[in-house]
N, C-alpha and C. Protein backbone atom coordinates (compact mmCIF):
# COMPACT_ATOMS: atom_id res chain seq x y z
N UNK A 1 28.08 -3.19 -11.24
CA UNK A 1 27.07 -2.76 -10.31
C UNK A 1 27.09 -3.68 -9.09
N UNK A 2 27.03 -3.12 -7.92
CA UNK A 2 27.05 -3.89 -6.69
C UNK A 2 25.74 -4.62 -6.48
N UNK A 3 25.83 -5.85 -5.94
CA UNK A 3 24.64 -6.55 -5.49
C UNK A 3 24.36 -6.11 -4.07
N UNK A 4 23.26 -5.48 -3.85
CA UNK A 4 22.94 -5.08 -2.49
C UNK A 4 21.58 -5.66 -2.12
N UNK A 5 21.49 -6.05 -0.91
CA UNK A 5 20.25 -6.65 -0.42
C UNK A 5 19.21 -5.55 -0.24
N UNK A 6 18.07 -5.75 -0.87
CA UNK A 6 17.00 -4.76 -0.74
C UNK A 6 16.28 -4.94 0.58
N UNK A 7 15.90 -3.85 1.15
CA UNK A 7 15.14 -3.84 2.38
C UNK A 7 13.71 -4.26 2.07
N UNK A 8 13.12 -5.07 2.96
CA UNK A 8 11.72 -5.47 2.77
C UNK A 8 10.81 -4.26 2.92
N UNK A 9 9.75 -4.25 2.12
CA UNK A 9 8.72 -3.22 2.28
C UNK A 9 7.97 -3.48 3.57
N UNK A 10 7.78 -2.48 4.37
CA UNK A 10 7.07 -2.64 5.63
C UNK A 10 5.57 -2.43 5.38
N UNK A 11 5.04 -3.25 4.48
CA UNK A 11 3.62 -3.17 4.11
C UNK A 11 2.92 -4.45 4.52
N UNK A 12 1.61 -4.40 4.51
CA UNK A 12 0.78 -5.57 4.76
C UNK A 12 0.23 -6.02 3.40
N UNK A 13 0.07 -7.34 3.24
CA UNK A 13 -0.41 -7.84 1.96
C UNK A 13 -1.16 -9.16 2.13
N UNK A 14 -2.06 -9.39 1.22
CA UNK A 14 -2.72 -10.68 1.07
C UNK A 14 -2.46 -11.10 -0.37
N UNK A 15 -2.13 -12.36 -0.59
CA UNK A 15 -1.78 -12.85 -1.92
C UNK A 15 -2.93 -13.66 -2.50
N UNK A 16 -3.11 -13.57 -3.81
CA UNK A 16 -4.16 -14.31 -4.52
C UNK A 16 -3.52 -15.09 -5.65
N UNK A 17 -4.04 -16.29 -5.91
CA UNK A 17 -3.50 -17.17 -6.94
C UNK A 17 -4.63 -17.99 -7.53
N UNK A 18 -4.61 -18.18 -8.84
CA UNK A 18 -5.57 -19.07 -9.49
C UNK A 18 -5.13 -20.51 -9.35
N UNK A 19 -6.07 -21.41 -9.07
CA UNK A 19 -5.73 -22.83 -8.85
C UNK A 19 -5.16 -23.49 -10.11
N UNK A 20 -5.48 -22.98 -11.27
CA UNK A 20 -4.99 -23.53 -12.54
C UNK A 20 -3.90 -22.64 -13.15
N UNK A 21 -3.37 -21.70 -12.39
CA UNK A 21 -2.36 -20.75 -12.89
C UNK A 21 -1.04 -21.46 -13.13
N UNK A 22 -0.28 -20.97 -14.11
CA UNK A 22 1.06 -21.51 -14.35
C UNK A 22 2.05 -21.01 -13.30
N UNK A 23 1.70 -19.96 -12.59
CA UNK A 23 2.51 -19.46 -11.48
C UNK A 23 2.31 -20.41 -10.30
N UNK A 24 3.39 -20.83 -9.68
CA UNK A 24 3.30 -21.81 -8.60
C UNK A 24 3.04 -21.15 -7.24
N UNK A 25 2.52 -21.94 -6.33
CA UNK A 25 2.30 -21.47 -4.97
C UNK A 25 3.63 -21.04 -4.35
N UNK A 26 4.68 -21.80 -4.61
CA UNK A 26 6.01 -21.48 -4.07
C UNK A 26 6.50 -20.14 -4.59
N UNK A 27 6.24 -19.87 -5.87
CA UNK A 27 6.64 -18.60 -6.46
C UNK A 27 5.92 -17.43 -5.80
N UNK A 28 4.63 -17.60 -5.58
CA UNK A 28 3.83 -16.56 -4.92
C UNK A 28 4.32 -16.36 -3.48
N UNK A 29 4.58 -17.46 -2.78
CA UNK A 29 5.03 -17.36 -1.39
C UNK A 29 6.39 -16.68 -1.28
N UNK A 30 7.16 -16.67 -2.36
CA UNK A 30 8.49 -16.04 -2.32
C UNK A 30 8.40 -14.52 -2.17
N UNK A 31 7.21 -13.96 -2.35
CA UNK A 31 7.03 -12.52 -2.14
C UNK A 31 7.36 -12.11 -0.71
N UNK A 32 7.35 -13.09 0.22
CA UNK A 32 7.66 -12.73 1.61
C UNK A 32 9.10 -12.26 1.77
N UNK A 33 9.94 -12.43 0.76
CA UNK A 33 11.29 -11.87 0.84
C UNK A 33 11.31 -10.38 0.50
N UNK A 34 10.20 -9.87 -0.02
CA UNK A 34 10.11 -8.46 -0.40
C UNK A 34 9.13 -7.65 0.45
N UNK A 35 8.15 -8.34 1.04
CA UNK A 35 7.10 -7.67 1.80
C UNK A 35 7.11 -8.22 3.23
N UNK A 36 7.14 -7.35 4.19
CA UNK A 36 7.29 -7.74 5.60
C UNK A 36 6.09 -8.51 6.16
N UNK A 37 4.90 -8.09 5.86
CA UNK A 37 3.71 -8.66 6.52
C UNK A 37 2.75 -9.27 5.51
N UNK A 38 2.99 -10.51 5.13
CA UNK A 38 2.06 -11.25 4.27
C UNK A 38 1.32 -12.23 5.15
N UNK A 39 0.00 -12.08 5.21
CA UNK A 39 -0.79 -12.88 6.13
C UNK A 39 -1.49 -14.07 5.49
N UNK A 40 -1.97 -13.91 4.29
CA UNK A 40 -2.81 -14.94 3.70
C UNK A 40 -2.46 -15.14 2.23
N UNK A 41 -2.61 -16.39 1.80
CA UNK A 41 -2.54 -16.73 0.39
C UNK A 41 -3.88 -17.40 0.06
N UNK A 42 -4.65 -16.77 -0.81
CA UNK A 42 -5.94 -17.32 -1.24
C UNK A 42 -5.76 -17.96 -2.61
N UNK A 43 -6.15 -19.21 -2.71
CA UNK A 43 -6.10 -19.91 -3.99
C UNK A 43 -7.53 -20.01 -4.50
N UNK A 44 -7.78 -19.32 -5.61
CA UNK A 44 -9.13 -19.23 -6.18
C UNK A 44 -9.24 -20.09 -7.42
N UNK A 45 -10.43 -20.63 -7.66
CA UNK A 45 -10.68 -21.45 -8.83
C UNK A 45 -10.43 -20.63 -10.10
N UNK A 46 -9.62 -21.18 -10.99
CA UNK A 46 -9.36 -20.50 -12.25
C UNK A 46 -7.89 -20.45 -12.60
N UNK A 47 -7.61 -19.87 -13.76
CA UNK A 47 -6.24 -19.76 -14.24
C UNK A 47 -5.65 -18.40 -13.85
N UNK A 48 -4.74 -17.89 -14.66
CA UNK A 48 -4.09 -16.62 -14.35
C UNK A 48 -5.09 -15.46 -14.31
N UNK A 49 -6.21 -15.62 -14.98
CA UNK A 49 -7.23 -14.57 -15.02
C UNK A 49 -8.42 -14.93 -14.12
N UNK A 50 -8.12 -15.55 -12.96
CA UNK A 50 -9.13 -15.97 -12.00
C UNK A 50 -10.05 -14.82 -11.59
N UNK A 51 -9.57 -13.60 -11.69
CA UNK A 51 -10.35 -12.43 -11.27
C UNK A 51 -11.66 -12.32 -12.03
N UNK A 52 -11.64 -12.67 -13.32
CA UNK A 52 -12.84 -12.54 -14.15
C UNK A 52 -14.01 -13.35 -13.60
N UNK A 53 -13.74 -14.54 -13.10
CA UNK A 53 -14.82 -15.40 -12.60
C UNK A 53 -14.99 -15.34 -11.09
N UNK A 54 -14.17 -14.56 -10.41
CA UNK A 54 -14.21 -14.51 -8.94
C UNK A 54 -14.24 -13.09 -8.39
N UNK A 55 -14.81 -12.14 -9.14
CA UNK A 55 -14.78 -10.74 -8.71
C UNK A 55 -15.38 -10.54 -7.32
N UNK A 56 -16.52 -11.15 -7.07
CA UNK A 56 -17.17 -10.98 -5.76
C UNK A 56 -16.32 -11.56 -4.63
N UNK A 57 -15.72 -12.71 -4.88
CA UNK A 57 -14.87 -13.34 -3.85
C UNK A 57 -13.64 -12.48 -3.58
N UNK A 58 -13.01 -11.98 -4.64
CA UNK A 58 -11.82 -11.14 -4.48
C UNK A 58 -12.15 -9.88 -3.70
N UNK A 59 -13.25 -9.23 -4.04
CA UNK A 59 -13.65 -8.03 -3.30
C UNK A 59 -13.92 -8.34 -1.84
N UNK A 60 -14.52 -9.48 -1.55
CA UNK A 60 -14.81 -9.89 -0.17
C UNK A 60 -13.50 -10.16 0.58
N UNK A 61 -12.55 -10.81 -0.07
CA UNK A 61 -11.25 -11.08 0.56
C UNK A 61 -10.57 -9.77 0.92
N UNK A 62 -10.56 -8.83 -0.01
CA UNK A 62 -9.93 -7.53 0.24
C UNK A 62 -10.64 -6.79 1.36
N UNK A 63 -11.96 -6.76 1.31
CA UNK A 63 -12.75 -6.09 2.35
C UNK A 63 -12.49 -6.71 3.72
N UNK A 64 -12.57 -8.03 3.80
CA UNK A 64 -12.34 -8.71 5.08
C UNK A 64 -10.94 -8.45 5.61
N UNK A 65 -9.97 -8.46 4.73
CA UNK A 65 -8.59 -8.25 5.14
C UNK A 65 -8.39 -6.84 5.69
N UNK A 66 -8.93 -5.87 5.00
CA UNK A 66 -8.76 -4.49 5.43
C UNK A 66 -9.49 -4.19 6.74
N UNK A 67 -10.60 -4.86 6.95
CA UNK A 67 -11.39 -4.61 8.15
C UNK A 67 -10.98 -5.47 9.35
N UNK A 68 -10.17 -6.49 9.11
CA UNK A 68 -9.84 -7.42 10.20
C UNK A 68 -8.67 -6.91 11.04
N UNK A 69 -8.67 -7.34 12.26
CA UNK A 69 -7.56 -6.97 13.15
C UNK A 69 -6.36 -7.88 12.92
N UNK A 70 -6.56 -9.06 12.28
CA UNK A 70 -5.44 -9.98 12.10
C UNK A 70 -4.47 -9.50 11.04
N UNK A 71 -4.76 -8.43 10.35
CA UNK A 71 -3.81 -7.96 9.33
C UNK A 71 -2.53 -7.43 9.97
N UNK A 72 -2.49 -7.34 11.27
CA UNK A 72 -1.27 -6.96 11.98
C UNK A 72 -0.31 -8.13 12.12
N UNK A 73 -0.83 -9.36 12.05
CA UNK A 73 -0.03 -10.57 12.23
C UNK A 73 0.75 -10.86 10.95
N UNK A 74 1.98 -11.33 11.07
CA UNK A 74 2.80 -11.59 9.89
C UNK A 74 2.91 -13.08 9.54
N UNK A 75 2.10 -13.94 10.17
CA UNK A 75 2.12 -15.37 9.84
C UNK A 75 1.33 -15.60 8.57
N UNK A 76 1.90 -16.35 7.63
CA UNK A 76 1.26 -16.65 6.36
C UNK A 76 0.38 -17.87 6.51
N UNK A 77 -0.88 -17.75 6.13
CA UNK A 77 -1.77 -18.91 6.09
C UNK A 77 -2.34 -19.01 4.68
N UNK A 78 -2.68 -20.23 4.28
CA UNK A 78 -3.22 -20.47 2.95
C UNK A 78 -4.70 -20.78 3.06
N UNK A 79 -5.49 -20.12 2.22
CA UNK A 79 -6.93 -20.33 2.19
C UNK A 79 -7.29 -20.73 0.77
N UNK A 80 -7.92 -21.90 0.60
CA UNK A 80 -8.34 -22.36 -0.71
C UNK A 80 -9.82 -22.06 -0.83
N UNK A 81 -10.19 -21.22 -1.81
CA UNK A 81 -11.58 -20.86 -2.03
C UNK A 81 -12.10 -21.59 -3.24
N UNK A 82 -13.36 -22.02 -3.17
CA UNK A 82 -13.93 -22.73 -4.32
C UNK A 82 -14.91 -21.86 -5.06
């Protein structure tokens, strides 16, 4: 089978990560090789299941991202939420 370079998805994305997760920040940031427009990486308190204790914060991040005009920008910034 041939190795062929996959084309990046021309989508917009915001990334979320638990501060105590076994997944590393570098691993999460590597998604930029697959997705064209990643703007933010939010690091939330908790492990891999950070969503359980941060539902309101996650919903706010998603809402703010969808409503903001900066989602057009492709510069990645990191936001640490407590």
